[in-house]
Amino acid sequence: MYYCLKRMGESCREHVGNNFSPVPSEYANEFLVLRNEMMRLYLRSLDSASASQIRNDAAVLQSSLSDYRKRIIHDIQTCQLNIEAMTVFLSIVQESQELLSALRHLMRGEGKIGE
């Protein structure tokens, strides 16, 4: 999880440091909804919520991020988008998927310990 967050932060810091253009707001706003769902899921994992339910919810959210990532790739190929900004943004979406994968693995381990 740390590695995913570090990769996100480094690419964002470099993007901002080079004064590249921001991601179009429609993409950022849609990602914020997914990010907020991820945050709620991580917060739920701190409580006594069912590990299997969190794993299932994380899988659904991973699928949503995968669909979103495919749409971004399609838009990069077909629309006039800033390639630098969208490449950084695409990496953030992919690392978000990896964060959810790490959460699922963690919950699987917790479920085995709890047995």
Protein backbone atom coordinates (compact mmCIF):
# COMPACT_ATOMS: atom_id res chain seq x y z
CA MET A 1 0.00 0.00 0.00
CA TYR A 2 2.85 2.33 0.87
CA TYR A 3 4.50 1.68 -2.49
CA CYS A 4 1.27 2.54 -4.36
CA LEU A 5 0.86 5.78 -2.44
CA LYS A 6 4.51 6.67 -2.97
CA ARG A 7 4.24 6.11 -6.72
CA MET A 8 1.11 8.28 -6.88
CA GLY A 9 2.71 11.07 -4.89
CA GLU A 10 5.95 11.10 -6.87
CA SER A 11 4.25 11.30 -10.25
CA CYS A 12 1.88 14.04 -9.04
CA ARG A 13 4.73 16.05 -7.49
CA GLU A 14 6.72 15.84 -10.72
CA HIS A 15 3.67 16.80 -12.78
CA VAL A 16 2.93 19.86 -10.63
CA GLY A 17 6.63 20.76 -10.37
CA ASN A 18 6.90 20.87 -14.16
CA ASN A 19 3.81 23.11 -14.38
CA PHE A 20 2.00 20.67 -16.66
CA SER A 21 -1.65 21.26 -17.43
CA PRO A 22 -4.24 19.90 -15.01
CA VAL A 23 -6.49 16.95 -15.79
CA PRO A 24 -9.84 18.05 -17.26
CA SER A 25 -12.34 18.55 -14.45
CA GLU A 26 -14.82 15.97 -15.78
CA TYR A 27 -12.22 13.23 -15.29
CA ALA A 28 -11.07 14.53 -11.93
CA ASN A 29 -14.62 14.82 -10.60
CA GLU A 30 -15.50 11.29 -11.67
CA PHE A 31 -12.33 9.96 -10.04
CA LEU A 32 -13.12 11.83 -6.80
CA VAL A 33 -16.33 9.83 -6.49
CA LEU A 34 -14.36 6.58 -6.84
CA ARG A 35 -11.67 7.85 -4.48
CA ASN A 36 -14.29 8.67 -1.85
CA GLU A 37 -15.69 5.15 -2.15
CA MET A 38 -12.17 3.79 -1.64
CA MET A 39 -11.72 5.94 1.45
CA ARG A 40 -15.01 4.70 2.92
CA LEU A 41 -13.99 1.13 2.23
CA TYR A 42 -10.61 1.59 3.94
CA LEU A 43 -12.33 3.20 6.93
CA ARG A 44 -14.78 0.30 7.11
CA SER A 45 -11.84 -2.10 7.17
CA LEU A 46 -10.70 -0.49 10.45
CA ASP A 47 -13.97 -1.38 12.13
CA SER A 48 -15.24 -4.82 12.89
CA ALA A 49 -16.75 -5.17 9.42
CA SER A 50 -16.71 -8.55 7.76
CA ALA A 51 -13.44 -9.18 5.94
CA SER A 52 -15.23 -11.12 3.21
CA GLN A 53 -17.70 -8.26 2.64
CA ILE A 54 -14.85 -5.75 2.36
CA ARG A 55 -13.07 -8.04 -0.12
CA ASN A 56 -16.25 -8.28 -2.20
CA ASP A 57 -16.82 -4.52 -2.10
CA ALA A 58 -13.18 -3.92 -3.04
CA ALA A 59 -13.55 -6.27 -6.02
CA VAL A 60 -16.61 -4.35 -7.23
CA LEU A 61 -14.76 -1.05 -6.85
CA GLN A 62 -11.72 -2.49 -8.65
CA SER A 63 -13.99 -3.42 -11.53
CA SER A 64 -15.37 0.14 -11.63
CA LEU A 65 -11.84 1.53 -11.71
CA SER A 66 -10.94 -0.91 -14.48
CA ASP A 67 -13.88 0.27 -16.57
CA TYR A 68 -12.92 3.88 -15.86
CA ARG A 69 -9.29 3.18 -16.84
CA LYS A 70 -10.42 1.64 -20.15
CA ARG A 71 -12.56 4.71 -20.86
CA ILE A 72 -9.60 7.00 -20.17
CA ILE A 73 -7.41 4.99 -22.53
CA HIS A 74 -10.12 5.18 -25.19
CA ASP A 75 -10.48 8.93 -24.70
CA ILE A 76 -6.71 9.44 -24.89
CA GLN A 77 -6.72 7.64 -28.23
CA THR A 78 -9.77 9.36 -29.70
CA CYS A 79 -9.96 12.85 -28.15
CA GLN A 80 -7.68 15.84 -28.09
CA LEU A 81 -6.48 15.47 -24.49
CA ASN A 82 -3.25 16.62 -22.89
CA ILE A 83 -1.21 13.44 -23.04
CA GLU A 84 1.13 14.37 -20.16
CA ALA A 85 -1.72 15.10 -17.75
CA MET A 86 -3.73 12.07 -18.79
CA THR A 87 -0.73 9.74 -18.48
CA VAL A 88 -0.17 10.85 -14.88
CA PHE A 89 -3.88 10.56 -14.21
CA LEU A 90 -3.98 7.09 -15.73
CA SER A 91 -1.16 5.99 -13.44
CA ILE A 92 -3.14 7.27 -10.43
CA VAL A 93 -6.15 5.22 -11.48
CA GLN A 94 -3.99 2.13 -11.96
CA GLU A 95 -2.29 2.58 -8.59
CA SER A 96 -5.73 2.97 -7.02
CA GLN A 97 -6.61 -0.44 -8.42
CA GLU A 98 -3.44 -1.81 -6.84
CA LEU A 99 -4.38 -0.24 -3.50
CA LEU A 100 -7.66 -2.11 -3.62
CA SER A 101 -5.86 -5.31 -4.51
CA ALA A 102 -3.60 -4.84 -1.48
CA LEU A 103 -6.65 -4.25 0.72
CA ARG A 104 -8.24 -7.45 -0.57
CA HIS A 105 -5.08 -9.40 0.23
CA LEU A 106 -4.95 -7.86 3.69
CA MET A 107 -8.58 -8.75 4.36
CA ARG A 108 -8.00 -12.29 3.12
CA GLY A 109 -5.14 -12.62 5.61
CA GLU A 110 -7.26 -11.16 8.39
CA GLY A 111 -10.03 -13.61 7.57
CA LYS A 112 -7.60 -16.52 7.87
CA ILE A 113 -6.28 -15.26 11.20
CA GLY A 114 -9.83 -14.86 12.51
CA GLU A 115 -10.75 -18.46 11.70
